[in-house]
């Protein structure tokens, strides 16, 4: 059943399916009817009070040090002021 709690009544797949159906436009009541689950249970899954949705990995950009155009050739920009590009995603 549930990966975090082996005694969970509904499987992770059922919870994921409920979220998919709701994201597709069905109301919580209709999702509950389709899956054969209590309406309150589905609403709790959807609002995250039961079975919080999995965390999303968010890519962060890493900045690159770029030389500053100055009269003195040994001066470089401070760390973190470079222009990030697609190759800088961590």
PDB file of N, CA and C in Angstrom:
ATOM      1  N   UNK A   1       0.831  -1.179   0.000  1.00  0.00           N
ATOM      2  CA  UNK A   1       0.000   0.000   0.000  1.00  0.00           C
ATOM      3  C   UNK A   1       0.879   1.248   0.000  1.00  0.00           C
ATOM      4  N   UNK A   2       0.732   2.109   0.986  1.00  0.00           N
ATOM      5  CA  UNK A   2       1.517   3.337   1.028  1.00  0.00           C
ATOM      6  C   UNK A   2       2.974   3.043   1.318  1.00  0.00           C
ATOM      7  N   UNK A   3       3.872   3.765   0.690  1.00  0.00           N
ATOM      8  CA  UNK A   3       5.296   3.491   0.893  1.00  0.00           C
ATOM      9  C   UNK A   3       5.772   3.963   2.259  1.00  0.00           C
ATOM     10  N   UNK A   4       5.251   5.092   2.756  1.00  0.00           N
ATOM     11  CA  UNK A   4       5.691   5.600   4.047  1.00  0.00           C
ATOM     12  C   UNK A   4       5.022   4.854   5.195  1.00  0.00           C
ATOM     13  N   UNK A   5       3.838   4.348   4.969  1.00  0.00           N
ATOM     14  CA  UNK A   5       3.090   3.648   6.008  1.00  0.00           C
ATOM     15  C   UNK A   5       2.514   2.365   5.420  1.00  0.00           C
ATOM     16  N   UNK A   6       3.087   1.226   5.752  1.00  0.00           N
ATOM     17  CA  UNK A   6       2.607  -0.023   5.172  1.00  0.00           C
ATOM     18  C   UNK A   6       1.168  -0.364   5.553  1.00  0.00           C
ATOM     19  N   UNK A   7       0.637   0.259   6.599  1.00  0.00           N
ATOM     20  CA  UNK A   7      -0.736  -0.011   7.013  1.00  0.00           C
ATOM     21  C   UNK A   7      -1.734   0.927   6.335  1.00  0.00           C
ATOM     22  N   UNK A   8      -1.283   1.757   5.398  1.00  0.00           N
ATOM     23  CA  UNK A   8      -2.169   2.699   4.722  1.00  0.00           C
ATOM     24  C   UNK A   8      -3.255   1.937   3.963  1.00  0.00           C
ATOM     25  N   UNK A   9      -4.454   2.484   3.993  1.00  0.00           N
ATOM     26  CA  UNK A   9      -5.581   1.810   3.353  1.00  0.00           C
ATOM     27  C   UNK A   9      -5.531   1.922   1.828  1.00  0.00           C
ATOM     28  N   UNK A  10      -5.099   3.063   1.320  1.00  0.00           N
ATOM     29  CA  UNK A  10      -5.091   3.311  -0.124  1.00  0.00           C
ATOM     30  C   UNK A  10      -3.658   3.366  -0.640  1.00  0.00           C
ATOM     31  N   UNK A  11      -3.447   2.809  -1.812  1.00  0.00           N
ATOM     32  CA  UNK A  11      -2.101   2.760  -2.382  1.00  0.00           C
ATOM     33  C   UNK A  11      -1.657   4.134  -2.882  1.00  0.00           C
ATOM     34  N   UNK A  12      -0.354   4.286  -3.031  1.00  0.00           N
ATOM     35  CA  UNK A  12       0.202   5.524  -3.582  1.00  0.00           C
ATOM     36  C   UNK A  12      -0.312   5.757  -5.003  1.00  0.00           C
ATOM     37  N   UNK A  13      -0.533   4.679  -5.734  1.00  0.00           N
ATOM     38  CA  UNK A  13      -1.044   4.797  -7.101  1.00  0.00           C
ATOM     39  C   UNK A  13      -2.461   5.373  -7.112  1.00  0.00           C
ATOM     40  N   UNK A  14      -3.279   4.972  -6.137  1.00  0.00           N
ATOM     41  CA  UNK A  14      -4.641   5.502  -6.053  1.00  0.00           C
ATOM     42  C   UNK A  14      -4.621   6.995  -5.747  1.00  0.00           C
ATOM     43  N   UNK A  15      -3.750   7.390  -4.833  1.00  0.00           N
ATOM     44  CA  UNK A  15      -3.624   8.809  -4.484  1.00  0.00           C
ATOM     45  C   UNK A  15      -3.136   9.600  -5.693  1.00  0.00           C
ATOM     46  N   UNK A  16      -2.143   9.067  -6.391  1.00  0.00           N
ATOM     47  CA  UNK A  16      -1.622   9.745  -7.584  1.00  0.00           C
ATOM     48  C   UNK A  16      -2.706   9.854  -8.653  1.00  0.00           C
ATOM     49  N   UNK A  17      -3.499   8.803  -8.822  1.00  0.00           N
ATOM     50  CA  UNK A  17      -4.591   8.825  -9.802  1.00  0.00           C
ATOM     51  C   UNK A  17      -5.634   9.878  -9.435  1.00  0.00           C
ATOM     52  N   UNK A  18      -5.936   9.999  -8.149  1.00  0.00           N
ATOM     53  CA  UNK A  18      -6.879  11.018  -7.693  1.00  0.00           C
ATOM     54  C   UNK A  18      -6.367  12.413  -8.036  1.00  0.00           C
ATOM     55  N   UNK A  19      -5.091  12.639  -7.830  1.00  0.00           N
ATOM     56  CA  UNK A  19      -4.508  13.951  -8.154  1.00  0.00           C
ATOM     57  C   UNK A  19      -4.524  14.209  -9.660  1.00  0.00           C
ATOM     58  N   UNK A  20      -4.278  13.161 -10.443  1.00  0.00           N
ATOM     59  CA  UNK A  20      -4.319  13.313 -11.905  1.00  0.00           C
ATOM     60  C   UNK A  20      -5.726  13.657 -12.387  1.00  0.00           C
ATOM     61  N   UNK A  21      -6.710  12.937 -11.863  1.00  0.00           N
ATOM     62  CA  UNK A  21      -8.099  13.189 -12.266  1.00  0.00           C
ATOM     63  C   UNK A  21      -8.527  14.603 -11.892  1.00  0.00           C
ATOM     64  N   UNK A  22      -8.131  15.031 -10.694  1.00  0.00           N
ATOM     65  CA  UNK A  22      -8.485  16.384 -10.250  1.00  0.00           C
ATOM     66  C   UNK A  22      -7.778  17.437 -11.108  1.00  0.00           C
ATOM     67  N   UNK A  23      -6.509  17.198 -11.418  1.00  0.00           N
ATOM     68  CA  UNK A  23      -5.768  18.127 -12.285  1.00  0.00           C
ATOM     69  C   UNK A  23      -6.385  18.169 -13.677  1.00  0.00           C
ATOM     70  N   UNK A  24      -7.017  17.077 -14.078  1.00  0.00           N
ATOM     71  CA  UNK A  24      -7.677  17.006 -15.373  1.00  0.00           C
ATOM     72  C   UNK A  24      -9.041  17.677 -15.403  1.00  0.00           C
ATOM     73  N   UNK A  25      -9.490  18.200 -14.266  1.00  0.00           N
ATOM     74  CA  UNK A  25     -10.726  18.960 -14.254  1.00  0.00           C
ATOM     75  C   UNK A  25     -11.879  18.366 -13.466  1.00  0.00           C
ATOM     76  N   UNK A  26     -11.732  17.154 -12.944  1.00  0.00           N
ATOM     77  CA  UNK A  26     -12.819  16.572 -12.160  1.00  0.00           C
ATOM     78  C   UNK A  26     -12.853  17.177 -10.758  1.00  0.00           C
ATOM     79  N   UNK A  27     -14.047  17.312 -10.223  1.00  0.00           N
ATOM     80  CA  UNK A  27     -14.182  17.793  -8.847  1.00  0.00           C
ATOM     81  C   UNK A  27     -13.764  16.676  -7.885  1.00  0.00           C
ATOM     82  N   UNK A  28     -13.507  17.050  -6.646  1.00  0.00           N
ATOM     83  CA  UNK A  28     -13.134  16.056  -5.636  1.00  0.00           C
ATOM     84  C   UNK A  28     -14.256  15.029  -5.467  1.00  0.00           C
ATOM     85  N   UNK A  29     -15.504  15.482  -5.541  1.00  0.00           N
ATOM     86  CA  UNK A  29     -16.644  14.584  -5.403  1.00  0.00           C
ATOM     87  C   UNK A  29     -16.659  13.556  -6.527  1.00  0.00           C
ATOM     88  N   UNK A  30     -16.432  14.003  -7.763  1.00  0.00           N
ATOM     89  CA  UNK A  30     -16.419  13.075  -8.908  1.00  0.00           C
ATOM     90  C   UNK A  30     -15.236  12.117  -8.837  1.00  0.00           C
ATOM     91  N   UNK A  31     -14.091  12.628  -8.409  1.00  0.00           N
ATOM     92  CA  UNK A  31     -12.911  11.764  -8.245  1.00  0.00           C
ATOM     93  C   UNK A  31     -13.225  10.671  -7.231  1.00  0.00           C
ATOM     94  N   UNK A  32     -13.854  11.044  -6.123  1.00  0.00           N
ATOM     95  CA  UNK A  32     -14.211  10.073  -5.086  1.00  0.00           C
ATOM     96  C   UNK A  32     -15.144   8.998  -5.646  1.00  0.00           C
ATOM     97  N   UNK A  33     -16.110   9.403  -6.451  1.00  0.00           N
ATOM     98  CA  UNK A  33     -17.030   8.431  -7.051  1.00  0.00           C
ATOM     99  C   UNK A  33     -16.329   7.507  -8.031  1.00  0.00           C
ATOM    100  N   UNK A  34     -15.436   8.045  -8.840  1.00  0.00           N
ATOM    101  CA  UNK A  34     -14.716   7.229  -9.820  1.00  0.00           C
ATOM    102  C   UNK A  34     -13.847   6.185  -9.130  1.00  0.00           C
ATOM    103  N   UNK A  35     -13.159   6.596  -8.058  1.00  0.00           N
ATOM    104  CA  UNK A  35     -12.208   5.704  -7.381  1.00  0.00           C
ATOM    105  C   UNK A  35     -12.849   4.853  -6.284  1.00  0.00           C
ATOM    106  N   UNK A  36     -14.085   5.189  -5.892  1.00  0.00           N
ATOM    107  CA  UNK A  36     -14.722   4.444  -4.817  1.00  0.00           C
ATOM    108  C   UNK A  36     -14.131   4.765  -3.451  1.00  0.00           C
ATOM    109  N   UNK A  37     -13.738   6.007  -3.270  1.00  0.00           N
ATOM    110  CA  UNK A  37     -13.113   6.476  -2.033  1.00  0.00           C
ATOM    111  C   UNK A  37     -14.019   7.548  -1.441  1.00  0.00           C
ATOM    112  N   UNK A  38     -13.994   7.696  -0.132  1.00  0.00           N
ATOM    113  CA  UNK A  38     -14.807   8.727   0.517  1.00  0.00           C
ATOM    114  C   UNK A  38     -14.394  10.119   0.035  1.00  0.00           C
ATOM    115  N   UNK A  39     -15.385  10.987  -0.141  1.00  0.00           N
ATOM    116  CA  UNK A  39     -15.141  12.346  -0.614  1.00  0.00           C
ATOM    117  C   UNK A  39     -14.148  13.084   0.290  1.00  0.00           C
ATOM    118  N   UNK A  40     -14.327  12.972   1.603  1.00  0.00           N
ATOM    119  CA  UNK A  40     -13.435  13.666   2.549  1.00  0.00           C
ATOM    120  C   UNK A  40     -12.002  13.164   2.418  1.00  0.00           C
ATOM    121  N   UNK A  41     -11.817  11.891   2.157  1.00  0.00           N
ATOM    122  CA  UNK A  41     -10.476  11.336   1.975  1.00  0.00           C
ATOM    123  C   UNK A  41      -9.814  11.938   0.745  1.00  0.00           C
ATOM    124  N   UNK A  42     -10.554  12.011  -0.347  1.00  0.00           N
ATOM    125  CA  UNK A  42     -10.015  12.596  -1.577  1.00  0.00           C
ATOM    126  C   UNK A  42      -9.665  14.063  -1.353  1.00  0.00           C
ATOM    127  N   UNK A  43     -10.559  14.811  -0.690  1.00  0.00           N
ATOM    128  CA  UNK A  43     -10.278  16.231  -0.425  1.00  0.00           C
ATOM    129  C   UNK A  43      -9.017  16.380   0.432  1.00  0.00           C
ATOM    130  N   UNK A  44      -8.826  15.480   1.391  1.00  0.00           N
ATOM    131  CA  UNK A  44      -7.627  15.527   2.237  1.00  0.00           C
ATOM    132  C   UNK A  44      -6.371  15.219   1.419  1.00  0.00           C
ATOM    133  N   UNK A  45      -6.462  14.295   0.468  1.00  0.00           N
ATOM    134  CA  UNK A  45      -5.316  14.029  -0.410  1.00  0.00           C
ATOM    135  C   UNK A  45      -4.996  15.253  -1.247  1.00  0.00           C
ATOM    136  N   UNK A  46      -6.037  15.896  -1.761  1.00  0.00           N
ATOM    137  CA  UNK A  46      -5.831  17.025  -2.666  1.00  0.00           C
ATOM    138  C   UNK A  46      -5.291  18.258  -1.947  1.00  0.00           C
ATOM    139  N   UNK A  47      -5.728  18.490  -0.706  1.00  0.00           N
ATOM    140  CA  UNK A  47      -5.227  19.677  -0.001  1.00  0.00           C
ATOM    141  C   UNK A  47      -3.921  19.399   0.743  1.00  0.00           C
ATOM    142  N   UNK A  48      -3.464  18.154   0.741  1.00  0.00           N
ATOM    143  CA  UNK A  48      -2.172  17.820   1.329  1.00  0.00           C
ATOM    144  C   UNK A  48      -2.203  17.525   2.818  1.00  0.00           C
ATOM    145  N   UNK A  49      -3.388  17.563   3.456  1.00  0.00           N
ATOM    146  CA  UNK A  49      -3.436  17.265   4.884  1.00  0.00           C
ATOM    147  C   UNK A  49      -3.216  15.773   5.160  1.00  0.00           C
ATOM    148  N   UNK A  50      -3.523  14.934   4.179  1.00  0.00           N
ATOM    149  CA  UNK A  50      -3.158  13.513   4.212  1.00  0.00           C
ATOM    150  C   UNK A  50      -2.361  13.242   2.952  1.00  0.00           C
ATOM    151  N   UNK A  51      -1.329  12.487   3.081  1.00  0.00           N
ATOM    152  CA  UNK A  51      -0.488  12.136   1.933  1.00  0.00           C
ATOM    153  C   UNK A  51      -0.024  13.369   1.173  1.00  0.00           C
ATOM    154  N   UNK A  52       0.852  14.172   1.775  1.00  0.00           N
ATOM    155  CA  UNK A  52       1.330  15.359   1.072  1.00  0.00           C
ATOM    156  C   UNK A  52       1.909  14.977  -0.287  1.00  0.00           C
ATOM    157  N   UNK A  53       1.730  15.851  -1.275  1.00  0.00           N
ATOM    158  CA  UNK A  53       2.284  15.537  -2.588  1.00  0.00           C
ATOM    159  C   UNK A  53       3.807  15.432  -2.513  1.00  0.00           C
ATOM    160  N   UNK A  54       4.400  14.627  -3.375  1.00  0.00           N
ATOM    161  CA  UNK A  54       5.857  14.491  -3.356  1.00  0.00           C
ATOM    162  C   UNK A  54       6.530  15.824  -3.630  1.00  0.00           C
ATOM    163  N   UNK A  55       7.665  16.014  -2.988  1.00  0.00           N
ATOM    164  CA  UNK A  55       8.423  17.252  -3.192  1.00  0.00           C
ATOM    165  C   UNK A  55       8.923  17.316  -4.615  1.00  0.00           C
ATOM    166  N   UNK A  56       8.943  18.517  -5.141  1.00  0.00           N
ATOM    167  CA  UNK A  56       9.457  18.715  -6.497  1.00  0.00           C
ATOM    168  C   UNK A  56      10.900  19.175  -6.423  1.00  0.00           C
ATOM    169  N   UNK A  57      11.702  18.657  -7.313  1.00  0.00           N
ATOM    170  CA  UNK A  57      13.087  19.097  -7.399  1.00  0.00           C
ATOM    171  C   UNK A  57      13.111  20.362  -8.243  1.00  0.00           C
ATOM    172  N   UNK A  58      13.669  21.403  -7.696  1.00  0.00           N
ATOM    173  CA  UNK A  58      13.747  22.673  -8.404  1.00  0.00           C
ATOM    174  C   UNK A  58      15.202  22.920  -8.783  1.00  0.00           C
ATOM    175  N   UNK A  59      15.429  23.105 -10.061  1.00  0.00           N
ATOM    176  CA  UNK A  59      16.786  23.376 -10.531  1.00  0.00           C
ATOM    177  C   UNK A  59      17.185  24.790 -10.138  1.00  0.00           C
ATOM    178  N   UNK A  60      18.409  24.931  -9.674  1.00  0.00           N
ATOM    179  CA  UNK A  60      18.928  26.250  -9.325  1.00  0.00           C
ATOM    180  C   UNK A  60      20.037  26.610 -10.299  1.00  0.00           C
ATOM    181  N   UNK A  61      20.114  27.871 -10.630  1.00  0.00           N
ATOM    182  CA  UNK A  61      21.174  28.321 -11.518  1.00  0.00           C
ATOM    183  C   UNK A  61      22.415  28.662 -10.711  1.00  0.00           C
ATOM    184  N   UNK A  62      23.539  28.259 -11.222  1.00  0.00           N
ATOM    185  CA  UNK A  62      24.814  28.572 -10.610  1.00  0.00           C
ATOM    186  C   UNK A  62      25.416  29.703 -11.428  1.00  0.00           C
ATOM    187  N   UNK A  63      25.848  30.761 -10.771  1.00  0.00           N
ATOM    188  CA  UNK A  63      26.432  31.870 -11.512  1.00  0.00           C
ATOM    189  C   UNK A  63      27.913  31.614 -11.765  1.00  0.00           C
ATOM    190  N   UNK A  64      28.402  32.178 -12.826  1.00  0.00           N
ATOM    191  CA  UNK A  64      29.782  31.990 -13.235  1.00  0.00           C
ATOM    192  C   UNK A  64      30.498  33.333 -13.166  1.00  0.00           C
ATOM    193  N   UNK A  65      31.718  33.312 -12.658  1.00  0.00           N
ATOM    194  CA  UNK A  65      32.485  34.542 -12.574  1.00  0.00           C
ATOM    195  C   UNK A  65      32.961  34.935 -13.964  1.00  0.00           C
ATOM    196  N   UNK A  66      32.628  36.145 -14.352  1.00  0.00           N
ATOM    197  CA  UNK A  66      33.037  36.686 -15.645  1.00  0.00           C
ATOM    198  C   UNK A  66      33.994  37.859 -15.394  1.00  0.00           C
ATOM    199  N   UNK A  67      35.017  38.025 -16.215  1.00  0.00           N
ATOM    200  CA  UNK A  67      35.904  39.167 -16.043  1.00  0.00           C
ATOM    201  C   UNK A  67      35.160  40.487 -16.297  1.00  0.00           C
ATOM    202  N   UNK A  68      35.499  41.501 -15.514  1.00  0.00           N
ATOM    203  CA  UNK A  68      34.939  42.834 -15.706  1.00  0.00           C
ATOM    204  C   UNK A  68      35.831  43.577 -16.686  1.00  0.00           C
ATOM    205  N   UNK A  69      35.207  44.308 -17.587  1.00  0.00           N
ATOM    206  CA  UNK A  69      35.961  45.115 -18.532  1.00  0.00           C
ATOM    207  C   UNK A  69      36.427  46.387 -17.821  1.00  0.00           C
ATOM    208  N   UNK A  70      37.693  46.412 -17.443  1.00  0.00           N
ATOM    209  CA  UNK A  70      38.269  47.582 -16.769  1.00  0.00           C
ATOM    210  C   UNK A  70      39.583  47.949 -17.425  1.00  0.00           C
ATOM    211  N   UNK A  71      40.159  49.050 -16.949  1.00  0.00           N
ATOM    212  CA  UNK A  71      41.462  49.465 -17.455  1.00  0.00           C
ATOM    213  C   UNK A  71      42.580  48.589 -16.908  1.00  0.00           C
ATOM    214  N   UNK A  72      42.328  47.951 -15.770  1.00  0.00           N
ATOM    215  CA  UNK A  72      43.354  47.121 -15.142  1.00  0.00           C
ATOM    216  C   UNK A  72      43.060  45.656 -15.457  1.00  0.00           C
ATOM    217  N   UNK A  73      43.992  44.933 -16.098  1.00  0.00           N
ATOM    218  CA  UNK A  73      43.722  43.566 -16.546  1.00  0.00           C
ATOM    219  C   UNK A  73      43.587  42.529 -15.422  1.00  0.00           C
ATOM    220  N   UNK A  74      44.040  42.804 -14.195  1.00  0.00           N
ATOM    221  CA  UNK A  74      44.005  41.799 -13.140  1.00  0.00           C
ATOM    222  C   UNK A  74      42.711  41.839 -12.311  1.00  0.00           C
ATOM    223  N   UNK A  75      41.802  42.781 -12.576  1.00  0.00           N
ATOM    224  CA  UNK A  75      40.567  42.899 -11.801  1.00  0.00           C
ATOM    225  C   UNK A  75      39.503  41.985 -12.417  1.00  0.00           C
ATOM    226  N   UNK A  76      38.882  41.128 -11.551  1.00  0.00           N
ATOM    227  CA  UNK A  76      37.798  40.255 -11.990  1.00  0.00           C
ATOM    228  C   UNK A  76      36.549  40.559 -11.184  1.00  0.00           C
ATOM    229  N   UNK A  77      35.425  40.159 -11.710  1.00  0.00           N
ATOM    230  CA  UNK A  77      34.163  40.426 -11.014  1.00  0.00           C
ATOM    231  C   UNK A  77      34.072  39.582  -9.751  1.00  0.00           C
ATOM    232  N   UNK A  78      33.319  40.051  -8.757  1.00  0.00           N
ATOM    233  CA  UNK A  78      33.097  39.245  -7.557  1.00  0.00           C
ATOM    234  C   UNK A  78      32.285  37.994  -7.891  1.00  0.00           C
ATOM    235  N   UNK A  79      32.349  36.989  -7.030  1.00  0.00           N
ATOM    236  CA  UNK A  79      31.638  35.731  -7.249  1.00  0.00           C
ATOM    237  C   UNK A  79      30.140  35.986  -7.278  1.00  0.00           C
ATOM    238  N   UNK A  80      29.452  35.331  -8.224  1.00  0.00           N
ATOM    239  CA  UNK A  80      28.011  35.382  -8.267  1.00  0.00           C
ATOM    240  C   UNK A  80      27.419  36.483  -9.115  1.00  0.00           C
ATOM    241  N   UNK A  81      28.209  37.236  -9.824  1.00  0.00           N
ATOM    242  CA  UNK A  81      27.644  38.305 -10.634  1.00  0.00           C
ATOM    243  C   UNK A  81      27.692  37.968 -12.115  1.00  0.00           C
ATOM    244  N   UNK A  82      28.147  36.781 -12.449  1.00  0.00           N
ATOM    245  CA  UNK A  82      28.196  36.387 -13.865  1.00  0.00           C
ATOM    246  C   UNK A  82      26.809  36.133 -14.408  1.00  0.00           C
ATOM    247  N   UNK A  83      26.730  36.013 -15.686  1.00  0.00           N
ATOM    248  CA  UNK A  83      25.452  35.758 -16.354  1.00  0.00           C
ATOM    249  C   UNK A  83      25.236  34.253 -16.442  1.00  0.00           C
ATOM    250  N   UNK A  84      24.143  33.714 -15.837  1.00  0.00           N
ATOM    251  CA  UNK A  84      23.902  32.280 -15.919  1.00  0.00           C
ATOM    252  C   UNK A  84      23.402  31.901 -17.316  1.00  0.00           C
ATOM    253  N   UNK A  85      23.712  30.690 -17.713  1.00  0.00           N
ATOM    254  CA  UNK A  85      23.168  30.158 -18.958  1.00  0.00           C
ATOM    255  C   UNK A  85      22.734  28.721 -18.714  1.00  0.00           C
ATOM    256  N   UNK A  86      22.247  28.048 -19.731  1.00  0.00           N
ATOM    257  CA  UNK A  86      21.682  26.710 -19.570  1.00  0.00           C
ATOM    258  C   UNK A  86      22.695  25.693 -19.033  1.00  0.00           C
ATOM    259  N   UNK A  87      23.985  25.885 -19.297  1.00  0.00           N
ATOM    260  CA  UNK A  87      24.983  24.935 -18.821  1.00  0.00           C
ATOM    261  C   UNK A  87      25.253  25.087 -17.338  1.00  0.00           C
ATOM    262  N   UNK A  88      24.680  26.125 -16.701  1.00  0.00           N
ATOM    263  CA  UNK A  88      24.930  26.373 -15.274  1.00  0.00           C
ATOM    264  C   UNK A  88      23.885  25.761 -14.363  1.00  0.00           C
ATOM    265  N   UNK A  89      22.935  25.029 -14.879  1.00  0.00           N
ATOM    266  CA  UNK A  89      21.894  24.438 -14.039  1.00  0.00           C
ATOM    267  C   UNK A  89      22.512  23.331 -13.187  1.00  0.00           C
ATOM    268  N   UNK A  90      22.259  23.409 -11.888  1.00  0.00           N
ATOM    269  CA  UNK A  90      22.830  22.448 -10.946  1.00  0.00           C
ATOM    270  C   UNK A  90      21.908  21.268 -10.823  1.00  0.00           C
TER     271      UNK A  90
END
